[in-house]
PDB file of N, CA and C in Angstrom:
ATOM      1  N   MET A   1     -35.017 -89.297   3.759  1.00  0.00           N
ATOM      2  CA  MET A   1     -36.163 -88.708   2.537  1.00  0.00           C
ATOM      3  C   MET A   1     -35.402 -88.043   1.929  1.00  0.00           C
ATOM      4  N   PRO A   2     -34.506 -87.774   0.894  1.00  0.00           N
ATOM      5  CA  PRO A   2     -34.283 -86.557  -0.808  1.00  0.00           C
ATOM      6  C   PRO A   2     -34.979 -86.040  -0.237  1.00  0.00           C
ATOM      7  N   THR A   3     -33.984 -84.548   0.115  1.00  0.00           N
ATOM      8  CA  THR A   3     -34.181 -83.368  -0.665  1.00  0.00           C
ATOM      9  C   THR A   3     -34.957 -82.990  -1.584  1.00  0.00           C
ATOM     10  N   VAL A   4     -35.774 -81.404  -2.411  1.00  0.00           N
ATOM     11  CA  VAL A   4     -36.228 -81.691  -3.335  1.00  0.00           C
ATOM     12  C   VAL A   4     -35.180 -80.615  -4.340  1.00  0.00           C
ATOM     13  N   GLY A   5     -35.386 -81.302  -5.536  1.00  0.00           N
ATOM     14  CA  GLY A   5     -34.490 -80.153  -6.323  1.00  0.00           C
ATOM     15  C   GLY A   5     -34.980 -79.048  -6.719  1.00  0.00           C
ATOM     16  N   ALA A   6     -35.328 -77.777  -6.720  1.00  0.00           N
ATOM     17  CA  ALA A   6     -36.006 -77.039  -7.706  1.00  0.00           C
ATOM     18  C   ALA A   6     -35.396 -75.533  -8.011  1.00  0.00           C
ATOM     19  N   LYS A   7     -35.960 -75.315  -8.791  1.00  0.00           N
ATOM     20  CA  LYS A   7     -34.967 -74.266  -9.888  1.00  0.00           C
ATOM     21  C   LYS A   7     -37.039 -72.993 -10.897  1.00  0.00           C
ATOM     22  N   ILE A   8     -36.790 -71.771 -10.290  1.00  0.00           N
ATOM     23  CA  ILE A   8     -37.062 -70.884 -10.865  1.00  0.00           C
ATOM     24  C   ILE A   8     -37.378 -70.300 -12.105  1.00  0.00           C
ATOM     25  N   ASP A   9     -36.747 -70.775 -13.690  1.00  0.00           N
ATOM     26  CA  ASP A   9     -36.347 -70.019 -14.735  1.00  0.00           C
ATOM     27  C   ASP A   9     -37.297 -69.612 -15.538  1.00  0.00           C
ATOM     28  N   GLY A  10     -36.912 -68.121 -15.881  1.00  0.00           N
ATOM     29  CA  GLY A  10     -38.173 -67.347 -16.656  1.00  0.00           C
ATOM     30  C   GLY A  10     -39.692 -67.351 -16.518  1.00  0.00           C
ATOM     31  N   GLY A  11     -39.593 -67.842 -14.976  1.00  0.00           N
ATOM     32  CA  GLY A  11     -41.310 -67.488 -14.444  1.00  0.00           C
ATOM     33  C   GLY A  11     -41.929 -68.926 -14.509  1.00  0.00           C
ATOM     34  N   VAL A  12     -41.186 -70.054 -14.907  1.00  0.00           N
ATOM     35  CA  VAL A  12     -41.158 -71.498 -14.712  1.00  0.00           C
ATOM     36  C   VAL A  12     -40.252 -72.469 -13.376  1.00  0.00           C
ATOM     37  N   LEU A  13     -41.612 -72.957 -12.782  1.00  0.00           N
ATOM     38  CA  LEU A  13     -41.201 -73.777 -11.935  1.00  0.00           C
ATOM     39  C   LEU A  13     -40.949 -75.551 -11.910  1.00  0.00           C
ATOM     40  N   SER A  14     -39.893 -75.487 -11.825  1.00  0.00           N
ATOM     41  CA  SER A  14     -39.316 -76.867 -12.760  1.00  0.00           C
ATOM     42  C   SER A  14     -39.363 -77.770 -11.353  1.00  0.00           C
ATOM     43  N   ALA A  15     -39.657 -79.398 -10.780  1.00  0.00           N
ATOM     44  CA  ALA A  15     -38.903 -79.566  -9.421  1.00  0.00           C
ATOM     45  C   ALA A  15     -38.040 -81.183  -9.546  1.00  0.00           C
ATOM     46  N   ASN A  16     -37.360 -81.802  -8.810  1.00  0.00           N
ATOM     47  CA  ASN A  16     -36.904 -83.018  -8.885  1.00  0.00           C
ATOM     48  C   ASN A  16     -36.260 -83.922  -8.202  1.00  0.00           C
ATOM     49  N   THR A  17     -36.225 -85.071  -7.882  1.00  0.00           N
ATOM     50  CA  THR A  17     -36.241 -86.030  -6.597  1.00  0.00           C
ATOM     51  C   THR A  17     -34.933 -86.769  -7.214  1.00  0.00           C
ATOM     52  N   ALA A  18     -34.832 -87.450  -5.955  1.00  0.00           N
ATOM     53  CA  ALA A  18     -33.824 -88.534  -6.571  1.00  0.00           C
ATOM     54  C   ALA A  18     -34.511 -89.351  -6.427  1.00  0.00           C
ATOM     55  N   ILE A  19     -35.867 -90.044  -5.943  1.00  0.00           N
ATOM     56  CA  ILE A  19     -36.539 -91.231  -5.867  1.00  0.00           C
ATOM     57  C   ILE A  19     -37.524 -90.860  -6.834  1.00  0.00           C
ATOM     58  N   LYS A  20     -37.365 -91.922  -7.386  1.00  0.00           N
ATOM     59  CA  LYS A  20     -38.568 -91.753  -9.336  1.00  0.00           C
ATOM     60  C   LYS A  20     -40.053 -92.427  -8.730  1.00  0.00           C
ATOM     61  N   GLY A  21     -41.364 -91.399  -8.833  1.00  0.00           N
ATOM     62  CA  GLY A  21     -42.569 -91.435  -8.183  1.00  0.00           C
ATOM     63  C   GLY A  21     -42.196 -90.340  -7.121  1.00  0.00           C
ATOM     64  N   LEU A  22     -41.632 -90.022  -6.418  1.00  0.00           N
ATOM     65  CA  LEU A  22     -42.366 -89.281  -4.809  1.00  0.00           C
ATOM     66  C   LEU A  22     -43.016 -87.985  -5.512  1.00  0.00           C
ATOM     67  N   PRO A  23     -43.614 -88.216  -4.719  1.00  0.00           N
ATOM     68  CA  PRO A  23     -44.747 -86.844  -5.135  1.00  0.00           C
ATOM     69  C   PRO A  23     -43.852 -85.654  -4.530  1.00  0.00           C
ATOM     70  N   ILE A  24     -44.978 -84.489  -5.426  1.00  0.00           N
ATOM     71  CA  ILE A  24     -43.889 -83.194  -4.904  1.00  0.00           C
ATOM     72  C   ILE A  24     -44.100 -82.160  -4.806  1.00  0.00           C
ATOM     73  N   GLU A  25     -44.855 -81.442  -3.603  1.00  0.00           N
ATOM     74  CA  GLU A  25     -45.726 -80.128  -3.567  1.00  0.00           C
ATOM     75  C   GLU A  25     -44.960 -79.287  -3.207  1.00  0.00           C
ATOM     76  N   TYR A  26     -45.788 -78.231  -3.681  1.00  0.00           N
ATOM     77  CA  TYR A  26     -45.546 -76.667  -3.826  1.00  0.00           C
ATOM     78  C   TYR A  26     -47.029 -76.003  -3.637  1.00  0.00           C
ATOM     79  N   ARG A  27     -46.174 -74.530  -3.160  1.00  0.00           N
ATOM     80  CA  ARG A  27     -47.294 -73.252  -3.132  1.00  0.00           C
ATOM     81  C   ARG A  27     -46.769 -72.095  -3.611  1.00  0.00           C
ATOM     82  N   VAL A  28     -47.894 -70.972  -3.638  1.00  0.00           N
ATOM     83  CA  VAL A  28     -47.487 -70.071  -3.995  1.00  0.00           C
ATOM     84  C   VAL A  28     -47.531 -68.736  -3.210  1.00  0.00           C
ATOM     85  N   ASN A  29     -46.999 -68.174  -2.410  1.00  0.00           N
ATOM     86  CA  ASN A  29     -47.439 -66.686  -2.025  1.00  0.00           C
ATOM     87  C   ASN A  29     -48.820 -67.754  -0.121  1.00  0.00           C
ATOM     88  N   SER A  30     -47.712 -68.597   0.044  1.00  0.00           N
ATOM     89  CA  SER A  30     -49.129 -69.263   1.307  1.00  0.00           C
ATOM     90  C   SER A  30     -50.270 -69.738   0.510  1.00  0.00           C
ATOM     91  N   GLY A  31     -50.029 -69.801  -0.595  1.00  0.00           N
ATOM     92  CA  GLY A  31     -51.624 -70.589  -0.698  1.00  0.00           C
ATOM     93  C   GLY A  31     -51.743 -72.317  -0.464  1.00  0.00           C
ATOM     94  N   GLN A  32     -52.824 -72.680  -0.591  1.00  0.00           N
ATOM     95  CA  GLN A  32     -53.261 -74.448   0.030  1.00  0.00           C
ATOM     96  C   GLN A  32     -51.177 -74.562  -1.218  1.00  0.00           C
ATOM     97  N   TRP A  33     -51.235 -76.193  -0.979  1.00  0.00           N
ATOM     98  CA  TRP A  33     -50.438 -77.090  -1.593  1.00  0.00           C
ATOM     99  C   TRP A  33     -50.599 -77.514  -3.222  1.00  0.00           C
ATOM    100  N   GLN A  34     -49.946 -76.965  -3.444  1.00  0.00           N
ATOM    101  CA  GLN A  34     -50.094 -78.206  -5.167  1.00  0.00           C
ATOM    102  C   GLN A  34     -49.270 -79.342  -5.424  1.00  0.00           C
ATOM    103  N   ALA A  35     -50.490 -80.308  -6.014  1.00  0.00           N
ATOM    104  CA  ALA A  35     -49.532 -81.376  -6.295  1.00  0.00           C
ATOM    105  C   ALA A  35     -48.616 -80.483  -8.027  1.00  0.00           C
ATOM    106  N   TYR A  36     -46.969 -81.112  -7.839  1.00  0.00           N
ATOM    107  CA  TYR A  36     -46.762 -81.181  -8.764  1.00  0.00           C
ATOM    108  C   TYR A  36     -46.024 -82.249  -9.426  1.00  0.00           C
ATOM    109  N   LYS A  37     -46.605 -82.151 -10.670  1.00  0.00           N
ATOM    110  CA  LYS A  37     -46.474 -83.022 -11.717  1.00  0.00           C
ATOM    111  C   LYS A  37     -45.715 -82.795 -13.327  1.00  0.00           C
ATOM    112  N   GLN A  38     -45.691 -81.014 -13.753  1.00  0.00           N
ATOM    113  CA  GLN A  38     -44.321 -80.980 -14.419  1.00  0.00           C
ATOM    114  C   GLN A  38     -43.902 -79.799 -14.739  1.00  0.00           C
ATOM    115  N   PRO A  39     -43.198 -79.383 -15.168  1.00  0.00           N
ATOM    116  CA  PRO A  39     -42.772 -77.895 -14.979  1.00  0.00           C
ATOM    117  C   PRO A  39     -44.260 -77.022 -15.260  1.00  0.00           C
ATOM    118  N   VAL A  40     -43.811 -75.964 -14.192  1.00  0.00           N
ATOM    119  CA  VAL A  40     -45.513 -75.105 -14.180  1.00  0.00           C
ATOM    120  C   VAL A  40     -45.558 -73.600 -14.462  1.00  0.00           C
ATOM    121  N   LYS A  41     -46.062 -72.304 -14.314  1.00  0.00           N
ATOM    122  CA  LYS A  41     -45.424 -70.762 -14.568  1.00  0.00           C
ATOM    123  C   LYS A  41     -46.135 -70.961 -13.391  1.00  0.00           C
ATOM    124  N   VAL A  42     -45.311 -69.954 -12.688  1.00  0.00           N
ATOM    125  CA  VAL A  42     -45.133 -69.570 -10.871  1.00  0.00           C
ATOM    126  C   VAL A  42     -45.466 -67.800 -11.657  1.00  0.00           C
ATOM    127  N   ASN A  43     -45.932 -67.196 -10.522  1.00  0.00           N
ATOM    128  CA  ASN A  43     -45.844 -66.001 -10.103  1.00  0.00           C
ATOM    129  C   ASN A  43     -46.025 -65.680  -8.527  1.00  0.00           C
ATOM    130  N   GLY A  44     -44.794 -64.676  -7.834  1.00  0.00           N
ATOM    131  CA  GLY A  44     -44.818 -65.052  -6.163  1.00  0.00           C
ATOM    132  C   GLY A  44     -43.646 -65.922  -6.269  1.00  0.00           C
ATOM    133  N   VAL A  45     -44.252 -65.641  -4.797  1.00  0.00           N
ATOM    134  CA  VAL A  45     -42.796 -66.368  -3.752  1.00  0.00           C
ATOM    135  C   VAL A  45     -43.318 -67.847  -3.715  1.00  0.00           C
ATOM    136  N   VAL A  46     -42.452 -68.644  -3.790  1.00  0.00           N
ATOM    137  CA  VAL A  46     -42.757 -70.156  -3.658  1.00  0.00           C
ATOM    138  C   VAL A  46     -42.086 -70.377  -3.026  1.00  0.00           C
TER     139      VAL A  46
END
């Protein structure tokens, strides 16, 4: 399984994987996991 590439720039989380269509999830401040579909504004620990 490839790792996910991610960065936060200006409060916006962007992520990708080497395998197109592979689901990515993220969570903020130990909250619920959310499906990543496109760059999203975040605030806190991701």
